[in-house]
């Protein structure tokens, strides 16, 4: 079976909480939201009020991607893709030689 994930690229879009709730109820393997913890915090609180617990909320990755220091759009996309691949393989994305 293919690994499936979802990334929300606009933390200010309408319906983010409802979308996250639907994803948390699904078997999707990766849930990510672009933006800082500060930008996503109110969604987490809304989801908590809806009955989602810490284990559920831990499935949401934000900030998103591996810390590779990228700032350009293509570098950010690479860090997100690498994070999804690492997650799909049960890894944290750290250096292999350390």
PDB file of N, CA and C in Angstrom:
ATOM      1  N   UNK A   1       0.835  -1.181   0.000  1.00  0.00           N
ATOM      2  CA  UNK A   1       0.000   0.000   0.000  1.00  0.00           C
ATOM      3  C   UNK A   1       0.880   1.244   0.000  1.00  0.00           C
ATOM      4  N   UNK A   2       0.495   2.248  -0.749  1.00  0.00           N
ATOM      5  CA  UNK A   2       1.252   3.490  -0.839  1.00  0.00           C
ATOM      6  C   UNK A   2       1.126   4.286   0.448  1.00  0.00           C
ATOM      7  N   UNK A   3       2.201   4.959   0.789  1.00  0.00           N
ATOM      8  CA  UNK A   3       2.191   5.854   1.947  1.00  0.00           C
ATOM      9  C   UNK A   3       1.474   7.130   1.542  1.00  0.00           C
ATOM     10  N   UNK A   4       0.569   7.589   2.379  1.00  0.00           N
ATOM     11  CA  UNK A   4      -0.205   8.781   2.037  1.00  0.00           C
ATOM     12  C   UNK A   4      -0.024   9.846   3.104  1.00  0.00           C
ATOM     13  N   UNK A   5       0.058  11.076   2.637  1.00  0.00           N
ATOM     14  CA  UNK A   5       0.196  12.198   3.542  1.00  0.00           C
ATOM     15  C   UNK A   5      -0.502  13.422   2.984  1.00  0.00           C
ATOM     16  N   UNK A   6      -0.648  14.416   3.838  1.00  0.00           N
ATOM     17  CA  UNK A   6      -1.280  15.668   3.444  1.00  0.00           C
ATOM     18  C   UNK A   6      -0.503  16.820   4.047  1.00  0.00           C
ATOM     19  N   UNK A   7      -0.325  17.870   3.258  1.00  0.00           N
ATOM     20  CA  UNK A   7       0.349  19.073   3.718  1.00  0.00           C
ATOM     21  C   UNK A   7      -0.551  20.257   3.406  1.00  0.00           C
ATOM     22  N   UNK A   8      -0.876  21.013   4.441  1.00  0.00           N
ATOM     23  CA  UNK A   8      -1.631  22.245   4.254  1.00  0.00           C
ATOM     24  C   UNK A   8      -0.612  23.368   4.101  1.00  0.00           C
ATOM     25  N   UNK A   9      -0.663  24.054   2.973  1.00  0.00           N
ATOM     26  CA  UNK A   9       0.349  25.062   2.680  1.00  0.00           C
ATOM     27  C   UNK A   9      -0.061  26.474   3.080  1.00  0.00           C
ATOM     28  N   UNK A  10      -1.300  26.675   3.495  1.00  0.00           N
ATOM     29  CA  UNK A  10      -1.776  28.000   3.895  1.00  0.00           C
ATOM     30  C   UNK A  10      -2.469  27.897   5.244  1.00  0.00           C
ATOM     31  N   UNK A  11      -1.743  28.252   6.297  1.00  0.00           N
ATOM     32  CA  UNK A  11      -2.303  28.131   7.640  1.00  0.00           C
ATOM     33  C   UNK A  11      -3.405  29.153   7.904  1.00  0.00           C
ATOM     34  N   UNK A  12      -3.602  30.109   6.990  1.00  0.00           N
ATOM     35  CA  UNK A  12      -4.665  31.106   7.141  1.00  0.00           C
ATOM     36  C   UNK A  12      -5.891  30.798   6.281  1.00  0.00           C
ATOM     37  N   UNK A  13      -5.870  29.701   5.559  1.00  0.00           N
ATOM     38  CA  UNK A  13      -6.995  29.355   4.681  1.00  0.00           C
ATOM     39  C   UNK A  13      -8.244  29.037   5.512  1.00  0.00           C
ATOM     40  N   UNK A  14      -9.418  29.277   4.950  1.00  0.00           N
ATOM     41  CA  UNK A  14     -10.633  28.893   5.675  1.00  0.00           C
ATOM     42  C   UNK A  14     -10.729  27.376   5.792  1.00  0.00           C
ATOM     43  N   UNK A  15     -11.256  26.913   6.907  1.00  0.00           N
ATOM     44  CA  UNK A  15     -11.511  25.490   7.086  1.00  0.00           C
ATOM     45  C   UNK A  15     -10.326  24.655   7.525  1.00  0.00           C
ATOM     46  N   UNK A  16      -9.255  25.277   7.989  1.00  0.00           N
ATOM     47  CA  UNK A  16      -8.073  24.506   8.389  1.00  0.00           C
ATOM     48  C   UNK A  16      -8.405  23.551   9.532  1.00  0.00           C
ATOM     49  N   UNK A  17      -9.126  24.014  10.532  1.00  0.00           N
ATOM     50  CA  UNK A  17      -9.455  23.150  11.667  1.00  0.00           C
ATOM     51  C   UNK A  17     -10.284  21.950  11.217  1.00  0.00           C
ATOM     52  N   UNK A  18     -11.285  22.185  10.390  1.00  0.00           N
ATOM     53  CA  UNK A  18     -12.125  21.086   9.901  1.00  0.00           C
ATOM     54  C   UNK A  18     -11.313  20.106   9.056  1.00  0.00           C
ATOM     55  N   UNK A  19     -10.410  20.627   8.245  1.00  0.00           N
ATOM     56  CA  UNK A  19      -9.570  19.759   7.424  1.00  0.00           C
ATOM     57  C   UNK A  19      -8.645  18.922   8.298  1.00  0.00           C
ATOM     58  N   UNK A  20      -8.026  19.548   9.286  1.00  0.00           N
ATOM     59  CA  UNK A  20      -7.152  18.809  10.203  1.00  0.00           C
ATOM     60  C   UNK A  20      -7.935  17.746  10.971  1.00  0.00           C
ATOM     61  N   UNK A  21      -9.138  18.074  11.400  1.00  0.00           N
ATOM     62  CA  UNK A  21      -9.966  17.095  12.118  1.00  0.00           C
ATOM     63  C   UNK A  21     -10.255  15.891  11.225  1.00  0.00           C
ATOM     64  N   UNK A  22     -10.610  16.146   9.967  1.00  0.00           N
ATOM     65  CA  UNK A  22     -10.890  15.043   9.036  1.00  0.00           C
ATOM     66  C   UNK A  22      -9.635  14.196   8.816  1.00  0.00           C
ATOM     67  N   UNK A  23      -8.481  14.838   8.681  1.00  0.00           N
ATOM     68  CA  UNK A  23      -7.233  14.093   8.497  1.00  0.00           C
ATOM     69  C   UNK A  23      -6.892  13.267   9.734  1.00  0.00           C
ATOM     70  N   UNK A  24      -7.104  13.833  10.912  1.00  0.00           N
ATOM     71  CA  UNK A  24      -6.818  13.097  12.144  1.00  0.00           C
ATOM     72  C   UNK A  24      -7.725  11.886  12.302  1.00  0.00           C
ATOM     73  N   UNK A  25      -8.917  11.945  11.749  1.00  0.00           N
ATOM     74  CA  UNK A  25      -9.839  10.805  11.812  1.00  0.00           C
ATOM     75  C   UNK A  25      -9.533   9.764  10.742  1.00  0.00           C
ATOM     76  N   UNK A  26      -8.655  10.107   9.826  1.00  0.00           N
ATOM     77  CA  UNK A  26      -8.340   9.209   8.709  1.00  0.00           C
ATOM     78  C   UNK A  26      -7.061   8.422   9.012  1.00  0.00           C
ATOM     79  N   UNK A  27      -6.788   7.416   8.184  1.00  0.00           N
ATOM     80  CA  UNK A  27      -5.555   6.646   8.376  1.00  0.00           C
ATOM     81  C   UNK A  27      -4.338   7.277   7.701  1.00  0.00           C
ATOM     82  N   UNK A  28      -4.450   8.506   7.203  1.00  0.00           N
ATOM     83  CA  UNK A  28      -3.332   9.151   6.510  1.00  0.00           C
ATOM     84  C   UNK A  28      -2.095   9.128   7.414  1.00  0.00           C
ATOM     85  N   UNK A  29      -0.943   8.849   6.805  1.00  0.00           N
ATOM     86  CA  UNK A  29       0.278   8.656   7.576  1.00  0.00           C
ATOM     87  C   UNK A  29       0.986   9.929   7.981  1.00  0.00           C
ATOM     88  N   UNK A  30       0.830  11.011   7.233  1.00  0.00           N
ATOM     89  CA  UNK A  30       1.568  12.242   7.513  1.00  0.00           C
ATOM     90  C   UNK A  30       0.623  13.415   7.392  1.00  0.00           C
ATOM     91  N   UNK A  31       0.634  14.279   8.401  1.00  0.00           N
ATOM     92  CA  UNK A  31      -0.173  15.500   8.381  1.00  0.00           C
ATOM     93  C   UNK A  31       0.770  16.650   8.698  1.00  0.00           C
ATOM     94  N   UNK A  32       0.857  17.605   7.806  1.00  0.00           N
ATOM     95  CA  UNK A  32       1.735  18.744   8.016  1.00  0.00           C
ATOM     96  C   UNK A  32       1.027  20.053   7.733  1.00  0.00           C
ATOM     97  N   UNK A  33       1.429  21.088   8.469  1.00  0.00           N
ATOM     98  CA  UNK A  33       0.897  22.432   8.253  1.00  0.00           C
ATOM     99  C   UNK A  33       2.076  23.386   8.174  1.00  0.00           C
ATOM    100  N   UNK A  34       2.188  24.119   7.058  1.00  0.00           N
ATOM    101  CA  UNK A  34       3.251  25.107   6.944  1.00  0.00           C
ATOM    102  C   UNK A  34       2.944  26.267   7.877  1.00  0.00           C
ATOM    103  N   UNK A  35       3.988  26.776   8.492  1.00  0.00           N
ATOM    104  CA  UNK A  35       3.850  27.899   9.413  1.00  0.00           C
ATOM    105  C   UNK A  35       4.515  27.571  10.728  1.00  0.00           C
ATOM    106  N   UNK A  36       4.643  28.579  11.552  1.00  0.00           N
ATOM    107  CA  UNK A  36       5.283  28.406  12.850  1.00  0.00           C
ATOM    108  C   UNK A  36       4.316  27.801  13.858  1.00  0.00           C
ATOM    109  N   UNK A  37       4.859  27.356  14.973  1.00  0.00           N
ATOM    110  CA  UNK A  37       3.999  26.844  16.053  1.00  0.00           C
ATOM    111  C   UNK A  37       2.993  27.900  16.483  1.00  0.00           C
ATOM    112  N   UNK A  38       3.417  29.160  16.477  1.00  0.00           N
ATOM    113  CA  UNK A  38       2.529  30.262  16.867  1.00  0.00           C
ATOM    114  C   UNK A  38       1.331  30.347  15.921  1.00  0.00           C
ATOM    115  N   UNK A  39       1.557  30.174  14.621  1.00  0.00           N
ATOM    116  CA  UNK A  39       0.469  30.263  13.659  1.00  0.00           C
ATOM    117  C   UNK A  39      -0.490  29.077  13.739  1.00  0.00           C
ATOM    118  N   UNK A  40      -0.022  27.952  14.204  1.00  0.00           N
ATOM    119  CA  UNK A  40      -0.825  26.725  14.227  1.00  0.00           C
ATOM    120  C   UNK A  40      -1.438  26.478  15.606  1.00  0.00           C
ATOM    121  N   UNK A  41      -0.967  27.179  16.629  1.00  0.00           N
ATOM    122  CA  UNK A  41      -1.390  26.919  18.010  1.00  0.00           C
ATOM    123  C   UNK A  41      -2.906  27.007  18.199  1.00  0.00           C
ATOM    124  N   UNK A  42      -3.553  27.977  17.593  1.00  0.00           N
ATOM    125  CA  UNK A  42      -5.005  28.100  17.813  1.00  0.00           C
ATOM    126  C   UNK A  42      -5.770  26.940  17.179  1.00  0.00           C
ATOM    127  N   UNK A  43      -5.251  26.371  16.085  1.00  0.00           N
ATOM    128  CA  UNK A  43      -5.899  25.193  15.512  1.00  0.00           C
ATOM    129  C   UNK A  43      -5.774  24.010  16.457  1.00  0.00           C
ATOM    130  N   UNK A  44      -4.617  23.880  17.071  1.00  0.00           N
ATOM    131  CA  UNK A  44      -4.403  22.793  18.035  1.00  0.00           C
ATOM    132  C   UNK A  44      -5.380  22.925  19.191  1.00  0.00           C
ATOM    133  N   UNK A  45      -5.573  24.131  19.694  1.00  0.00           N
ATOM    134  CA  UNK A  45      -6.510  24.335  20.798  1.00  0.00           C
ATOM    135  C   UNK A  45      -7.945  24.040  20.365  1.00  0.00           C
ATOM    136  N   UNK A  46      -8.311  24.429  19.159  1.00  0.00           N
ATOM    137  CA  UNK A  46      -9.656  24.124  18.655  1.00  0.00           C
ATOM    138  C   UNK A  46      -9.851  22.610  18.519  1.00  0.00           C
ATOM    139  N   UNK A  47      -8.822  21.917  18.043  1.00  0.00           N
ATOM    140  CA  UNK A  47      -8.902  20.456  17.901  1.00  0.00           C
ATOM    141  C   UNK A  47      -8.989  19.792  19.270  1.00  0.00           C
ATOM    142  N   UNK A  48      -8.252  20.315  20.233  1.00  0.00           N
ATOM    143  CA  UNK A  48      -8.312  19.785  21.598  1.00  0.00           C
ATOM    144  C   UNK A  48      -9.734  19.943  22.153  1.00  0.00           C
ATOM    145  N   UNK A  49     -10.352  21.092  21.887  1.00  0.00           N
ATOM    146  CA  UNK A  49     -11.728  21.335  22.340  1.00  0.00           C
ATOM    147  C   UNK A  49     -12.714  20.390  21.658  1.00  0.00           C
ATOM    148  N   UNK A  50     -12.350  19.889  20.481  1.00  0.00           N
ATOM    149  CA  UNK A  50     -13.197  18.939  19.752  1.00  0.00           C
ATOM    150  C   UNK A  50     -13.000  17.512  20.253  1.00  0.00           C
ATOM    151  N   UNK A  51     -12.066  17.320  21.205  1.00  0.00           N
ATOM    152  CA  UNK A  51     -11.875  16.003  21.791  1.00  0.00           C
ATOM    153  C   UNK A  51     -10.623  15.267  21.365  1.00  0.00           C
ATOM    154  N   UNK A  52      -9.791  15.875  20.519  1.00  0.00           N
ATOM    155  CA  UNK A  52      -8.539  15.227  20.127  1.00  0.00           C
ATOM    156  C   UNK A  52      -7.546  15.325  21.277  1.00  0.00           C
ATOM    157  N   UNK A  53      -6.819  14.234  21.523  1.00  0.00           N
ATOM    158  CA  UNK A  53      -5.869  14.213  22.638  1.00  0.00           C
ATOM    159  C   UNK A  53      -4.440  14.452  22.148  1.00  0.00           C
ATOM    160  N   UNK A  54      -3.497  14.440  23.099  1.00  0.00           N
ATOM    161  CA  UNK A  54      -2.099  14.718  22.767  1.00  0.00           C
ATOM    162  C   UNK A  54      -1.545  13.745  21.724  1.00  0.00           C
ATOM    163  N   UNK A  55      -1.933  12.484  21.807  1.00  0.00           N
ATOM    164  CA  UNK A  55      -1.457  11.495  20.833  1.00  0.00           C
ATOM    165  C   UNK A  55      -1.950  11.833  19.431  1.00  0.00           C
ATOM    166  N   UNK A  56      -3.217  12.228  19.332  1.00  0.00           N
ATOM    167  CA  UNK A  56      -3.764  12.637  18.032  1.00  0.00           C
ATOM    168  C   UNK A  56      -3.008  13.852  17.498  1.00  0.00           C
ATOM    169  N   UNK A  57      -2.863  14.860  18.349  1.00  0.00           N
ATOM    170  CA  UNK A  57      -2.270  16.126  17.930  1.00  0.00           C
ATOM    171  C   UNK A  57      -0.790  15.993  17.595  1.00  0.00           C
ATOM    172  N   UNK A  58      -0.132  14.998  18.152  1.00  0.00           N
ATOM    173  CA  UNK A  58       1.283  14.760  17.849  1.00  0.00           C
ATOM    174  C   UNK A  58       1.477  14.316  16.398  1.00  0.00           C
ATOM    175  N   UNK A  59       0.416  13.910  15.741  1.00  0.00           N
ATOM    176  CA  UNK A  59       0.498  13.518  14.328  1.00  0.00           C
ATOM    177  C   UNK A  59       0.666  14.724  13.407  1.00  0.00           C
ATOM    178  N   UNK A  60       0.371  15.911  13.903  1.00  0.00           N
ATOM    179  CA  UNK A  60       0.462  17.121  13.079  1.00  0.00           C
ATOM    180  C   UNK A  60       1.879  17.672  13.163  1.00  0.00           C
ATOM    181  N   UNK A  61       2.539  17.751  12.022  1.00  0.00           N
ATOM    182  CA  UNK A  61       3.894  18.300  11.956  1.00  0.00           C
ATOM    183  C   UNK A  61       3.821  19.778  11.604  1.00  0.00           C
ATOM    184  N   UNK A  62       4.351  20.615  12.488  1.00  0.00           N
ATOM    185  CA  UNK A  62       4.433  22.045  12.242  1.00  0.00           C
ATOM    186  C   UNK A  62       5.348  22.645  13.293  1.00  0.00           C
ATOM    187  N   UNK A  63       6.363  23.390  12.956  1.00  0.00           N
ATOM    188  CA  UNK A  63       6.778  23.712  11.597  1.00  0.00           C
ATOM    189  C   UNK A  63       7.086  22.455  10.809  1.00  0.00           C
ATOM    190  N   UNK A  64       7.129  22.616   9.535  1.00  0.00           N
ATOM    191  CA  UNK A  64       7.141  21.495   8.621  1.00  0.00           C
ATOM    192  C   UNK A  64       8.493  21.344   7.938  1.00  0.00           C
ATOM    193  N   UNK A  65       8.936  20.106   7.786  1.00  0.00           N
ATOM    194  CA  UNK A  65      10.161  19.817   7.057  1.00  0.00           C
ATOM    195  C   UNK A  65      11.350  19.588   7.965  1.00  0.00           C
ATOM    196  N   UNK A  66      12.427  19.119   7.357  1.00  0.00           N
ATOM    197  CA  UNK A  66      13.666  18.896   8.089  1.00  0.00           C
ATOM    198  C   UNK A  66      14.455  20.201   8.149  1.00  0.00           C
ATOM    199  N   UNK A  67      15.228  20.366   9.206  1.00  0.00           N
ATOM    200  CA  UNK A  67      16.021  21.579   9.390  1.00  0.00           C
ATOM    201  C   UNK A  67      17.294  21.488   8.559  1.00  0.00           C
ATOM    202  N   UNK A  68      17.203  21.900   7.289  1.00  0.00           N
ATOM    203  CA  UNK A  68      18.374  21.896   6.418  1.00  0.00           C
ATOM    204  C   UNK A  68      18.852  23.326   6.150  1.00  0.00           C
ATOM    205  N   UNK A  69      18.219  24.293   6.793  1.00  0.00           N
ATOM    206  CA  UNK A  69      18.646  25.679   6.668  1.00  0.00           C
ATOM    207  C   UNK A  69      18.184  26.381   5.409  1.00  0.00           C
ATOM    208  N   UNK A  70      17.337  25.750   4.638  1.00  0.00           N
ATOM    209  CA  UNK A  70      16.881  26.342   3.386  1.00  0.00           C
ATOM    210  C   UNK A  70      15.958  27.524   3.597  1.00  0.00           C
ATOM    211  N   UNK A  71      16.047  28.493   2.696  1.00  0.00           N
ATOM    212  CA  UNK A  71      15.183  29.670   2.736  1.00  0.00           C
ATOM    213  C   UNK A  71      14.433  29.869   1.420  1.00  0.00           C
ATOM    214  N   UNK A  72      15.014  29.395   0.316  1.00  0.00           N
ATOM    215  CA  UNK A  72      14.373  29.554  -0.984  1.00  0.00           C
ATOM    216  C   UNK A  72      13.247  28.537  -1.125  1.00  0.00           C
ATOM    217  N   UNK A  73      12.228  28.843  -1.941  1.00  0.00           N
ATOM    218  CA  UNK A  73      11.084  27.926  -2.078  1.00  0.00           C
ATOM    219  C   UNK A  73      11.477  26.495  -2.417  1.00  0.00           C
ATOM    220  N   UNK A  74      12.433  26.322  -3.325  1.00  0.00           N
ATOM    221  CA  UNK A  74      12.820  24.966  -3.703  1.00  0.00           C
ATOM    222  C   UNK A  74      13.515  24.233  -2.557  1.00  0.00           C
ATOM    223  N   UNK A  75      14.231  24.966  -1.707  1.00  0.00           N
ATOM    224  CA  UNK A  75      14.879  24.353  -0.543  1.00  0.00           C
ATOM    225  C   UNK A  75      13.849  23.966   0.512  1.00  0.00           C
ATOM    226  N   UNK A  76      12.837  24.806   0.683  1.00  0.00           N
ATOM    227  CA  UNK A  76      11.758  24.504   1.629  1.00  0.00           C
ATOM    228  C   UNK A  76      10.988  23.273   1.142  1.00  0.00           C
ATOM    229  N   UNK A  77      10.703  23.218  -0.158  1.00  0.00           N
ATOM    230  CA  UNK A  77      10.006  22.052  -0.719  1.00  0.00           C
ATOM    231  C   UNK A  77      10.824  20.785  -0.504  1.00  0.00           C
ATOM    232  N   UNK A  78      12.138  20.873  -0.708  1.00  0.00           N
ATOM    233  CA  UNK A  78      13.007  19.718  -0.502  1.00  0.00           C
ATOM    234  C   UNK A  78      12.979  19.271   0.958  1.00  0.00           C
ATOM    235  N   UNK A  79      13.007  20.221   1.893  1.00  0.00           N
ATOM    236  CA  UNK A  79      12.999  19.852   3.312  1.00  0.00           C
ATOM    237  C   UNK A  79      11.687  19.184   3.701  1.00  0.00           C
ATOM    238  N   UNK A  80      10.577  19.643   3.113  1.00  0.00           N
ATOM    239  CA  UNK A  80       9.274  19.026   3.394  1.00  0.00           C
ATOM    240  C   UNK A  80       9.225  17.615   2.798  1.00  0.00           C
ATOM    241  N   UNK A  81       9.649  17.478   1.540  1.00  0.00           N
ATOM    242  CA  UNK A  81       9.641  16.162   0.901  1.00  0.00           C
ATOM    243  C   UNK A  81      10.536  15.188   1.664  1.00  0.00           C
ATOM    244  N   UNK A  82      11.707  15.650   2.081  1.00  0.00           N
ATOM    245  CA  UNK A  82      12.622  14.786   2.840  1.00  0.00           C
ATOM    246  C   UNK A  82      11.997  14.376   4.165  1.00  0.00           C
ATOM    247  N   UNK A  83      11.285  15.290   4.818  1.00  0.00           N
ATOM    248  CA  UNK A  83      10.616  14.959   6.072  1.00  0.00           C
ATOM    249  C   UNK A  83       9.533  13.917   5.887  1.00  0.00           C
ATOM    250  N   UNK A  84       8.798  14.004   4.805  1.00  0.00           N
ATOM    251  CA  UNK A  84       7.744  13.024   4.524  1.00  0.00           C
ATOM    252  C   UNK A  84       8.365  11.656   4.255  1.00  0.00           C
ATOM    253  N   UNK A  85       9.456  11.630   3.486  1.00  0.00           N
ATOM    254  CA  UNK A  85      10.132  10.360   3.209  1.00  0.00           C
ATOM    255  C   UNK A  85      10.670   9.763   4.508  1.00  0.00           C
ATOM    256  N   UNK A  86      11.297  10.583   5.349  1.00  0.00           N
ATOM    257  CA  UNK A  86      11.815  10.094   6.630  1.00  0.00           C
ATOM    258  C   UNK A  86      10.686   9.520   7.479  1.00  0.00           C
ATOM    259  N   UNK A  87       9.572  10.239   7.556  1.00  0.00           N
ATOM    260  CA  UNK A  87       8.435   9.773   8.344  1.00  0.00           C
ATOM    261  C   UNK A  87       7.888   8.461   7.803  1.00  0.00           C
ATOM    262  N   UNK A  88       7.794   8.351   6.504  1.00  0.00           N
ATOM    263  CA  UNK A  88       7.271   7.126   5.874  1.00  0.00           C
ATOM    264  C   UNK A  88       8.135   5.923   6.191  1.00  0.00           C
ATOM    265  N   UNK A  89       9.412   6.174   6.457  1.00  0.00           N
ATOM    266  CA  UNK A  89      10.343   5.096   6.754  1.00  0.00           C
ATOM    267  C   UNK A  89      10.673   4.988   8.241  1.00  0.00           C
ATOM    268  N   UNK A  90       9.895   5.689   9.077  1.00  0.00           N
ATOM    269  CA  UNK A  90      10.084   5.605  10.520  1.00  0.00           C
ATOM    270  C   UNK A  90      11.385   6.213  11.008  1.00  0.00           C
ATOM    271  N   UNK A  91      11.875   7.220  10.304  1.00  0.00           N
ATOM    272  CA  UNK A  91      13.142   7.863  10.665  1.00  0.00           C
ATOM    273  C   UNK A  91      12.925   9.317  11.038  1.00  0.00           C
ATOM    274  N   UNK A  92      13.927   9.880  11.739  1.00  0.00           N
ATOM    275  CA  UNK A  92      13.824  11.293  12.128  1.00  0.00           C
ATOM    276  C   UNK A  92      14.523  12.227  11.143  1.00  0.00           C
ATOM    277  N   UNK A  93      15.221  11.684  10.167  1.00  0.00           N
ATOM    278  CA  UNK A  93      15.858  12.508   9.160  1.00  0.00           C
ATOM    279  C   UNK A  93      17.220  13.040   9.540  1.00  0.00           C
ATOM    280  N   UNK A  94      17.848  12.468  10.551  1.00  0.00           N
ATOM    281  CA  UNK A  94      19.174  12.922  10.968  1.00  0.00           C
ATOM    282  C   UNK A  94      20.273  12.371  10.056  1.00  0.00           C
ATOM    283  N   UNK A  95      21.468  12.845  10.265  1.00  0.00           N
ATOM    284  CA  UNK A  95      22.620  12.403   9.491  1.00  0.00           C
ATOM    285  C   UNK A  95      22.904  10.943   9.756  1.00  0.00           C
ATOM    286  N   UNK A  96      23.238  10.213   8.724  1.00  0.00           N
ATOM    287  CA  UNK A  96      23.522   8.775   8.859  1.00  0.00           C
ATOM    288  C   UNK A  96      24.882   8.527   9.510  1.00  0.00           C
ATOM    289  N   UNK A  97      25.813   9.470   9.422  1.00  0.00           N
ATOM    290  CA  UNK A  97      27.143   9.246   9.981  1.00  0.00           C
ATOM    291  C   UNK A  97      27.284   9.716  11.427  1.00  0.00           C
ATOM    292  N   UNK A  98      26.178  10.055  12.065  1.00  0.00           N
ATOM    293  CA  UNK A  98      26.242  10.506  13.458  1.00  0.00           C
ATOM    294  C   UNK A  98      25.414   9.644  14.354  1.00  0.00           C
TER     295      UNK A  98
END
